[in-house]
Protein backbone atom coordinates (compact mmCIF):
# COMPACT_ATOMS: atom_id res chain seq x y z
CA MET A 1 115.34 76.65 63.48
CA SER A 2 115.09 78.17 66.96
CA GLU A 3 113.06 81.31 67.66
CA ILE A 4 116.21 83.34 68.34
CA GLU A 5 117.76 82.22 65.03
CA ASN A 6 114.55 83.07 63.19
CA LEU A 7 114.55 86.62 64.58
CA MET A 8 118.24 87.08 63.84
CA ASN A 9 117.75 85.99 60.21
CA LYS A 10 114.84 88.41 59.80
CA LEU A 11 117.06 91.27 60.99
CA LEU A 12 119.94 90.21 58.73
CA GLU A 13 117.56 90.13 55.74
CA GLN A 14 116.57 93.75 56.31
CA LYS A 15 120.06 94.89 57.35
CA PRO A 16 122.50 92.89 55.18
CA GLU A 17 125.41 95.11 56.27
CA LEU A 18 125.21 93.43 59.66
CA THR A 19 126.75 90.07 60.51
CA LYS A 20 125.64 87.44 62.99
CA GLU A 21 128.67 88.36 65.11
CA ASP A 22 127.62 92.03 65.07
CA ILE A 23 124.19 91.14 66.42
CA GLU A 24 125.58 88.80 69.08
CA GLU A 25 127.92 91.55 70.28
CA GLN A 26 125.08 94.08 70.41
CA ILE A 27 122.93 91.59 72.34
CA LYS A 28 125.71 91.38 74.89
CA ILE A 29 125.92 95.18 75.13
CA LYS A 30 122.14 95.57 75.52
CA LYS A 31 122.01 93.00 78.31
CA GLU A 32 124.95 94.61 80.11
CA LYS A 33 123.28 98.04 79.90
CA ILE A 34 119.81 96.99 80.99
CA GLY A 35 120.76 93.94 83.06
CA ALA A 36 120.80 90.31 82.02
CA GLY A 37 118.18 89.55 84.68
CA TYR A 38 115.74 91.90 82.94
CA LEU A 39 116.25 91.05 79.27
CA THR A 40 116.43 87.88 77.16
CA ASP A 41 118.40 87.45 73.92
CA GLN A 42 115.10 87.58 72.05
CA GLY A 43 114.06 90.83 73.71
CA ALA A 44 117.49 92.32 73.00
CA ILE A 45 117.12 91.59 69.26
CA PHE A 46 113.85 93.54 69.16
CA LEU A 47 115.58 96.50 70.84
CA ILE A 48 118.50 96.29 68.37
CA ALA A 49 116.08 96.13 65.43
CA SER A 50 114.32 99.22 66.75
CA ASP A 51 117.66 101.06 66.88
CA TYR A 52 118.06 100.38 63.14
CA GLY A 53 114.47 101.40 62.37
CA VAL A 54 113.45 97.82 61.66
CA THR A 55 110.20 96.28 62.93
CA LEU A 56 110.22 92.55 63.53
CA SER A 57 106.71 91.13 63.30
CA GLU A 58 106.94 88.45 65.93
CA PRO A 59 103.90 88.11 68.18
CA LEU A 60 104.52 87.87 71.91
CA LYS A 61 103.14 84.66 73.33
CA VAL A 62 100.85 84.98 76.33
CA GLU A 63 102.85 82.39 78.25
CA MET A 64 106.03 84.48 77.98
CA GLY A 65 107.25 86.27 81.08
CA LEU A 66 108.12 89.90 81.72
CA LYS A 67 111.75 89.40 80.73
CA ASP A 68 110.60 88.52 77.18
CA LEU A 69 108.99 91.93 76.60
CA TYR A 70 110.33 94.05 73.74
CA ALA A 71 109.65 97.55 72.46
CA GLY A 72 107.05 97.51 69.68
CA ALA A 73 105.00 94.58 70.95
CA LYS A 74 101.23 95.17 70.64
CA GLU A 75 98.09 93.69 72.14
CA ILE A 76 99.98 91.61 74.67
CA SER A 77 98.22 89.89 77.56
CA LEU A 78 100.13 88.86 80.68
CA GLU A 79 99.47 87.51 84.13
CA THR A 80 101.58 89.16 86.83
CA ARG A 81 101.55 90.43 90.43
CA VAL A 82 101.46 94.02 91.72
CA LEU A 83 104.57 95.31 93.47
CA ASN A 84 103.50 98.94 94.02
CA LEU A 85 101.36 101.69 92.55
CA SER A 86 101.97 105.45 92.37
CA PRO A 87 99.32 108.19 92.75
CA ALA A 88 97.75 109.45 89.51
CA LYS A 89 99.36 112.69 88.31
CA GLN A 90 98.13 115.33 85.89
CA PHE A 91 100.45 116.66 83.17
CA SER A 92 100.11 118.96 80.15
CA ARG A 93 100.78 118.13 76.54
CA LYS A 94 102.63 120.50 74.22
CA ASP A 95 99.31 121.98 73.11
CA GLY A 96 98.34 122.65 76.72
CA SER A 97 95.71 119.90 76.99
CA PRO A 98 95.84 117.89 80.25
CA PHE A 99 96.38 114.16 80.64
CA TYR A 100 96.71 111.75 83.56
CA LEU A 101 99.45 109.21 84.17
CA ARG A 102 99.91 106.58 86.86
CA THR A 103 102.78 104.10 87.09
CA MET A 104 102.72 100.61 88.53
CA THR A 105 105.50 98.08 89.04
CA VAL A 106 104.68 94.41 88.46
CA TYR A 107 106.65 91.20 88.80
CA ASP A 108 106.62 87.50 87.93
CA GLU A 109 108.93 84.54 88.59
CA ASN A 110 111.90 86.03 86.75
CA SER A 111 111.67 89.78 86.40
CA THR A 112 109.92 93.08 87.01
CA ALA A 113 108.48 95.72 84.68
CA SER A 114 107.05 99.21 84.79
CA VAL A 115 103.43 99.75 83.71
CA LYS A 116 102.12 103.15 82.61
CA LEU A 117 98.39 103.83 82.77
CA TRP A 118 97.29 106.73 80.59
CA ASP A 119 94.34 109.15 80.80
CA GLU A 120 91.13 107.43 81.96
CA LYS A 121 93.07 104.21 82.63
CA ALA A 122 94.99 106.03 85.37
CA ASN A 123 91.74 106.12 87.36
CA LEU A 124 90.26 102.72 86.57
CA PRO A 125 87.58 101.68 89.12
CA GLY A 126 89.12 99.44 91.77
CA LEU A 127 92.68 100.47 91.00
CA GLU A 128 93.12 102.14 94.39
CA ASN A 129 92.17 98.85 96.07
CA LEU A 130 95.06 96.92 94.55
CA LYS A 131 97.53 95.67 97.16
CA PRO A 132 101.11 94.45 96.83
CA GLY A 133 101.08 90.81 95.74
CA ASP A 134 97.64 90.95 94.09
CA LEU A 135 97.46 88.79 90.97
CA ILE A 136 96.28 90.69 87.88
CA LYS A 137 95.80 90.19 84.15
CA ILE A 138 97.03 92.90 81.78
CA ILE A 139 94.95 92.74 78.60
CA LYS A 140 95.83 94.09 75.14
CA ALA A 141 98.64 96.37 76.24
CA TYR A 142 101.49 97.68 74.10
CA VAL A 143 105.20 97.98 74.88
CA LYS A 144 107.47 100.99 74.37
CA SER A 145 111.08 101.63 75.29
CA ASP A 146 111.65 103.69 78.46
CA LEU A 147 114.36 106.35 78.85
CA ASP A 148 116.86 103.75 80.11
CA GLY A 149 116.08 101.43 77.20
CA SER A 150 114.03 98.94 79.20
CA PRO A 151 110.65 97.86 77.78
CA THR A 152 107.64 99.44 79.51
CA ILE A 153 104.06 98.15 79.41
CA ASN A 154 101.52 100.81 78.43
CA ILE A 155 97.80 100.68 79.25
CA GLY A 156 95.89 102.83 76.77
CA SER A 157 92.28 103.19 75.61
CA GLY A 158 92.09 99.64 74.19
CA SER A 159 93.81 98.00 77.16
CA ASN A 160 92.58 96.85 80.54
CA ILE A 161 93.61 95.42 83.91
CA GLU A 162 91.65 92.74 85.76
CA THR A 163 92.21 91.06 89.10
CA THR A 164 92.18 87.27 89.19
CA ASP A 165 91.91 84.61 91.89
CA SER A 166 93.49 81.85 89.82
CA GLN A 167 96.37 79.72 91.08
CA SER A 168 99.77 81.07 90.08
CA GLU A 169 103.42 80.08 90.28
CA ILE A 170 104.39 83.75 90.63
CA PRO A 171 105.85 84.12 94.16
CA THR A 172 104.14 86.15 96.88
CA ILE A 173 105.47 89.43 98.28
CA ASP A 174 106.74 87.66 101.41
CA THR A 175 108.71 85.23 99.24
CA ILE A 176 110.55 87.95 97.31
CA THR A 177 111.32 90.13 100.37
CA LYS A 178 115.10 90.51 100.83
CA ASP A 179 117.05 91.39 103.97
CA ILE A 180 119.17 94.53 103.54
CA SER A 181 122.34 92.56 104.32
CA GLY A 182 122.57 91.08 100.82
CA LEU A 183 121.98 94.15 98.65
CA GLN A 184 124.14 95.02 95.63
CA GLU A 185 124.52 98.20 93.60
CA GLY A 186 122.23 98.41 90.58
CA GLN A 187 119.42 96.23 91.93
CA LYS A 188 115.96 97.71 91.33
CA ASP A 189 112.28 97.03 91.99
CA LEU A 190 113.19 95.38 95.28
CA VAL A 191 111.16 94.48 98.34
CA ILE A 192 113.52 94.85 101.31
CA SER A 193 113.24 94.50 105.08
CA GLY A 194 115.25 95.83 108.01
CA MET A 195 114.95 97.64 111.32
CA ILE A 196 114.84 101.37 112.08
CA ASP A 197 118.27 102.63 113.07
CA GLY A 198 118.18 106.07 114.67
CA VAL A 199 116.56 109.16 113.21
CA ILE A 200 113.75 109.41 110.63
CA SER A 201 113.47 112.88 109.13
CA GLY A 202 111.73 114.71 106.33
CA MET A 203 113.33 117.29 104.06
CA GLU A 204 112.20 119.83 101.49
CA PHE A 205 114.25 120.98 98.52
CA THR A 206 114.12 122.63 95.10
CA ASN A 207 115.00 120.35 92.18
CA SER A 208 117.01 121.18 89.06
CA ARG A 209 113.85 122.43 87.31
CA GLY A 210 113.14 124.87 90.13
CA MET A 211 110.20 122.83 91.43
CA PRO A 212 109.72 122.12 95.16
CA GLY A 213 110.28 118.56 96.31
CA LYS A 214 110.20 116.47 99.46
CA ALA A 215 111.86 113.31 100.74
CA LEU A 216 111.88 111.05 103.76
CA ARG A 217 115.26 109.96 105.15
CA MET A 218 116.07 107.12 107.53
CA ARG A 219 118.61 104.41 108.28
CA LEU A 220 117.88 100.70 108.38
CA LYS A 221 119.98 97.98 109.96
CA ASP A 222 120.07 94.21 109.54
CA LYS A 223 120.02 91.59 112.28
CA ASP A 224 123.79 92.00 112.75
CA GLY A 225 123.50 95.76 113.28
CA ASN A 226 124.94 96.79 109.88
CA GLY A 227 123.27 100.00 108.68
CA ILE A 228 122.37 101.52 105.31
CA ARG A 229 120.99 104.96 104.40
CA VAL A 230 117.50 105.24 102.86
CA VAL A 231 116.06 108.16 100.86
CA LEU A 232 112.43 107.99 99.71
CA TRP A 233 111.86 110.80 97.18
CA GLY A 234 108.36 112.26 97.03
CA LYS A 235 107.48 110.92 100.50
CA ASP A 236 106.92 112.81 103.77
CA GLU A 237 106.01 112.06 107.38
CA SER A 238 102.34 111.57 106.48
CA SER A 239 103.42 108.21 105.00
CA ILE A 240 104.48 106.76 108.37
CA PRO A 241 102.97 106.24 111.86
CA ASN A 242 103.38 108.90 114.58
CA MET A 243 104.85 106.36 117.01
CA ILE A 244 107.75 104.23 115.80
CA SER A 245 109.84 102.40 118.36
CA GLN A 246 113.60 102.01 118.16
CA SER A 247 114.51 98.97 116.04
CA ALA A 248 110.96 98.75 114.64
CA LYS A 249 110.61 96.37 111.68
CA VAL A 250 110.34 98.03 108.26
CA ARG A 251 109.51 96.75 104.79
CA LEU A 252 109.92 98.90 101.67
CA LEU A 253 108.29 97.80 98.41
CA GLY A 254 109.70 99.14 95.17
CA VAL A 255 113.19 100.49 95.87
CA ARG A 256 116.58 100.41 94.16
CA VAL A 257 120.18 100.29 95.34
CA LYS A 258 122.73 102.90 94.29
CA SER A 259 126.13 104.12 95.40
CA GLY A 260 126.18 107.25 97.57
CA ASN A 261 128.83 109.39 99.23
CA GLN A 262 129.11 106.93 102.12
CA GLY A 263 128.58 103.60 100.37
CA LEU A 264 125.43 101.84 99.18
CA GLU A 265 122.09 103.58 99.65
CA ILE A 266 118.47 102.54 99.18
CA HIS A 267 116.36 104.94 97.11
CA GLY A 268 112.59 104.95 96.60
CA ASN A 269 110.00 107.24 95.03
CA ASP A 270 106.38 108.30 95.47
CA ALA A 271 105.23 104.82 94.42
CA THR A 272 107.30 103.08 97.11
CA ILE A 273 105.14 101.44 99.77
CA ILE A 274 106.30 101.83 103.38
CA GLU A 275 105.30 99.26 106.00
CA ILE A 276 106.53 100.16 109.51
CA GLU A 277 105.52 98.68 112.85
CA GLY A 278 104.08 101.50 114.90
CA GLY A 279 101.01 103.27 116.22
CA LYS A 280 99.02 106.44 115.63
CA GLU A 281 99.46 107.81 119.14
CA ALA A 282 102.83 108.73 120.68
CA GLU A 283 103.60 107.78 124.28
CA PRO A 284 105.15 109.93 127.04
CA VAL A 285 108.92 109.88 127.48
CA ILE A 286 110.82 110.50 130.74
CA ALA A 287 114.48 111.42 130.23
CA ARG A 288 117.35 113.55 131.51
CA VAL A 289 118.47 116.55 129.46
CA LEU A 290 122.16 116.12 128.57
CA SER A 291 122.63 119.12 126.30
CA ILE A 292 120.57 121.97 124.82
CA THR A 293 121.56 123.60 121.53
CA PRO A 294 119.49 126.53 120.19
CA THR A 295 119.06 126.83 116.43
CA GLU A 296 119.24 130.04 114.38
CA LYS A 297 115.41 130.13 114.50
CA GLY A 298 115.42 129.91 118.30
CA ASN A 299 114.25 126.30 118.56
CA ASN A 300 115.93 123.96 121.03
CA MET A 301 117.74 120.82 119.86
CA ILE A 302 118.05 118.58 122.93
CA LEU A 303 120.00 115.41 123.59
CA ALA A 304 118.41 113.36 126.38
CA VAL A 305 118.77 109.89 127.92
CA ASP A 306 116.21 107.59 129.58
CA ASN A 307 116.64 105.05 132.37
CA LYS A 308 117.62 102.34 129.85
CA LYS A 309 120.45 104.55 128.53
CA ASN A 310 118.62 105.16 125.24
CA LEU A 311 119.68 108.49 123.70
CA TYR A 312 116.96 110.72 122.22
CA ASN A 313 117.23 113.64 119.80
CA ILE A 314 114.45 116.07 120.74
CA SER A 315 113.43 118.81 118.28
CA ASP A 316 111.35 121.43 120.10
CA PHE A 317 109.28 123.61 117.74
CA SER A 318 106.95 124.80 120.54
CA ASN A 319 109.42 126.44 122.97
CA SER A 320 108.01 124.14 125.66
CA THR A 321 111.52 123.14 126.82
CA SER A 322 112.38 126.73 127.80
CA ILE A 323 111.67 125.67 131.41
CA CYS A 324 114.57 123.19 131.31
CA VAL A 325 118.29 123.37 131.88
CA GLU A 326 120.94 120.74 131.30
CA GLY A 327 120.71 117.98 133.90
CA ASP A 328 116.94 118.31 134.43
CA VAL A 329 114.68 115.26 134.32
CA ILE A 330 111.63 115.93 132.15
CA GLU A 331 108.47 114.17 131.06
CA CYS A 332 107.27 115.04 127.57
CA MET A 333 104.31 113.98 125.48
CA PRO A 334 105.61 114.24 121.90
CA SER A 335 103.56 114.65 118.76
CA LYS A 336 105.84 112.14 117.01
CA ILE A 337 108.47 109.60 118.00
CA TYR A 338 110.53 108.08 115.19
CA GLY A 339 113.03 105.68 116.70
CA ASN A 340 115.21 107.94 118.87
CA SER A 341 113.93 111.12 117.21
CA ILE A 342 111.28 113.08 119.16
CA THR A 343 109.27 116.03 117.80
CA LEU A 344 107.59 118.55 120.11
CA ASP A 345 105.06 120.99 118.66
CA ASP A 346 102.07 123.01 119.88
CA ASN A 347 100.19 119.78 120.61
CA SER A 348 102.93 118.53 122.96
CA PHE A 349 103.57 119.19 126.62
CA VAL A 350 106.70 119.16 128.80
CA ARG A 351 107.07 119.23 132.57
CA LYS A 352 110.00 119.05 134.95
CA LEU A 353 110.20 116.14 137.39
CA ASP A 354 112.13 115.63 140.58
CA ASN A 355 115.59 114.22 140.11
CA ASP A 356 115.54 110.47 139.42
CA ASP A 357 118.77 108.58 140.16
CA SER A 358 117.66 105.71 137.92
CA ILE A 359 118.22 107.98 134.90
CA PRO A 360 121.95 108.33 134.24
CA SER A 361 123.81 111.64 134.08
CA LEU A 362 126.13 112.68 131.28
CA SER A 363 129.22 111.43 133.14
CA GLN A 364 127.59 108.01 133.54
CA ILE A 365 126.91 107.46 129.84
CA ARG A 366 130.17 108.77 128.39
CA THR A 367 131.87 106.18 126.22
CA LYS A 368 135.58 105.49 126.05
CA ILE A 369 137.01 105.88 122.55
CA ASN A 370 138.13 102.24 122.50
CA ASP A 371 134.47 101.14 123.00
CA VAL A 372 133.02 103.15 120.09
CA LYS A 373 131.27 100.97 117.47
CA VAL A 374 130.10 101.83 113.95
CA ASP A 375 126.55 103.26 113.65
CA GLY A 376 126.26 104.02 117.37
CA SER A 377 125.52 107.38 119.05
CA TYR A 378 127.97 108.52 121.73
CA CYS A 379 129.10 111.16 124.21
CA ILE A 380 132.85 111.37 124.85
CA GLU A 381 135.41 113.42 126.79
CA ALA A 382 138.86 113.79 125.23
CA ILE A 383 141.87 116.05 124.65
CA ILE A 384 142.52 117.64 121.25
CA LEU A 385 145.82 116.41 119.77
CA LYS A 386 145.69 118.13 116.37
CA VAL A 387 144.68 121.68 115.50
CA PRO A 388 141.20 121.62 113.88
CA GLU A 389 141.34 122.01 110.09
CA ARG A 390 138.65 123.06 107.62
CA ARG A 391 138.49 122.14 103.95
CA GLU A 392 135.96 122.21 101.14
CA VAL A 393 134.79 118.84 99.81
CA GLN A 394 133.04 118.42 96.47
CA THR A 395 130.24 115.85 96.35
CA LYS A 396 129.33 113.67 93.37
CA SER A 397 126.61 116.17 92.49
CA GLY A 398 129.20 118.96 92.26
CA GLU A 399 128.16 120.69 95.49
CA SER A 400 130.99 122.13 97.60
CA ILE A 401 130.48 121.63 101.35
CA SER A 402 132.60 122.45 104.40
CA LEU A 403 134.26 119.74 106.47
CA SER A 404 136.15 120.43 109.71
CA GLU A 405 138.04 117.73 111.59
CA MET A 406 140.15 117.31 114.69
CA PHE A 407 142.09 114.42 116.23
CA VAL A 408 141.33 113.59 119.87
CA GLU A 409 142.22 110.96 122.45
CA ASP A 410 141.31 109.69 125.90
CA ASP A 411 143.11 107.13 128.05
CA THR A 412 141.92 104.24 125.80
CA GLY A 413 142.51 105.43 122.25
CA GLN A 414 142.48 108.08 119.55
CA ILE A 415 139.83 109.02 116.96
CA TRP A 416 138.92 111.66 114.36
CA VAL A 417 135.97 113.95 115.11
CA LYS A 418 134.44 115.57 112.02
CA GLY A 419 131.65 118.01 111.22
CA TRP A 420 129.91 118.88 107.94
CA ARG A 421 128.38 122.22 106.97
CA ASN A 422 127.01 124.06 110.03
CA GLN A 423 128.45 121.48 112.40
CA ALA A 424 131.93 122.35 111.09
CA ARG A 425 131.66 125.66 113.01
CA LEU A 426 131.62 123.85 116.35
CA ILE A 427 134.97 122.23 115.61
CA ASP A 428 136.45 125.49 114.29
CA LYS A 429 136.11 127.01 117.78
CA CYS A 430 138.29 124.31 119.39
CA GLU A 431 142.04 124.59 120.00
CA LEU A 432 145.00 122.29 120.43
CA GLY A 433 145.38 120.89 123.95
CA GLU A 434 141.82 121.63 125.07
CA ILE A 435 139.87 118.96 126.95
CA VAL A 436 136.36 118.81 125.55
CA SER A 437 133.10 117.05 126.35
CA ILE A 438 131.16 116.26 123.15
CA THR A 439 127.57 115.00 123.12
CA GLY A 440 125.51 113.44 120.34
CA LEU A 441 128.26 112.04 118.12
CA ASN A 442 127.48 109.48 115.38
CA ALA A 443 130.06 106.77 114.67
CA LYS A 444 130.68 105.80 111.04
CA ALA A 445 133.19 103.68 109.15
CA GLY A 446 135.94 105.81 107.60
CA LEU A 447 138.93 105.14 105.38
CA GLU A 448 140.77 101.84 105.78
CA GLY A 449 138.00 100.58 108.04
CA ARG A 450 138.77 102.93 110.93
CA ILE A 451 135.89 104.44 112.89
CA GLU A 452 135.25 108.18 112.83
CA LEU A 453 132.88 110.33 114.92
CA PHE A 454 130.63 112.95 113.33
CA ILE A 455 129.03 115.99 114.94
CA SER A 456 125.22 116.09 114.56
CA ALA A 457 122.67 118.90 114.82
CA PHE A 458 122.10 117.76 118.43
CA SER A 459 125.79 117.84 119.39
CA LYS A 460 127.37 120.24 121.85
CA ILE A 461 131.05 120.78 122.58
CA THR A 462 131.87 121.96 126.11
CA LYS A 463 135.42 122.99 127.00
CA LYS A 464 136.64 121.56 130.30
CA ASN A 465 139.91 123.55 130.76
């Protein structure tokens, strides 16, 4: 009798109202819910038994992999590799007493699993020195079911983690790294690689529990230039270098793929490891100011171009660009450069230079509508063919946000120009028949594959007639 048949018979003995067909159907449902790549038939039976309040006393063999884990297993010992490790956090129990918790993601040849380290185990000596790909032994751990039903390894007072230098068939981090071009919705615990595409920015927010949060946002592109949005929750700019060149190589360890408002997105958390090519010190930038847009707080948002026709979004928090007007050539020493995003603060300096004909003017970098490509940044000049319209759009989260749009054309083609939230106000001020110059537009794929242009915080609309 096979091991799977033995377990099924044990469950049928304790739950005679079930049939073999019932269990087989529930195995199928469990694997569909959790993912067939993360759960075996044997593991599914243990989860089903737990649902019925039945404990199956079947010891987990040491040679079994992560996909064979099941809720209720005790004193298991496994060999695996580290994917990532979160900081230790302090929480409070119902009685007010504190406890520590740290999570780690591990992987083997077939699967991944979450590991929770409790209390003193969250601060085991040497834990902070663990690196992605390190081979470890998990000793005498126990397994519980996580919120999503997947089995989670728990390291308690009787458990331990040891590093090992033994030979292993478990692949290295480099081997399991995936290019972003082949991602699919629902994948998790991934190691992915790509190149920086445009702006990297941090954001702060208040979550549903009223607690403050932070996140790091960026876009990555593959070797063919196809882009995907990335949100790393619990991360901020302290996690990345101060100097990141455009198209710098990036690797993210411990992320998942989900569907967002504009297609697939990559999401990470505070345990995600970020590897970006870059340096600690920013370098000076010489560029021509194309447009200056003041914010409500009085800061300047500047679109500029260098002699290689690279567009830069400059956020000035120091008022050092007050000496500039549109068309000036400036040299600035930023505090941070993330791709084409430049930050100026009190540690930065800006000075005006003599005009340099090698740096193009706005008229020299304008793009014809027919030449616009997805994921690019553009400046255009066009006539408005359709009266701008505003409507409220409800997101998947239930938030209602403003969207304004207008239809424009030049002598090569026609295109929709759209603006969300505050950027919608810029479009609202436009009228039918006006010729407008628009800077800092981002091109994205719209409905039926057509390209649409979106106003950014660095955009400016200038009326020409």
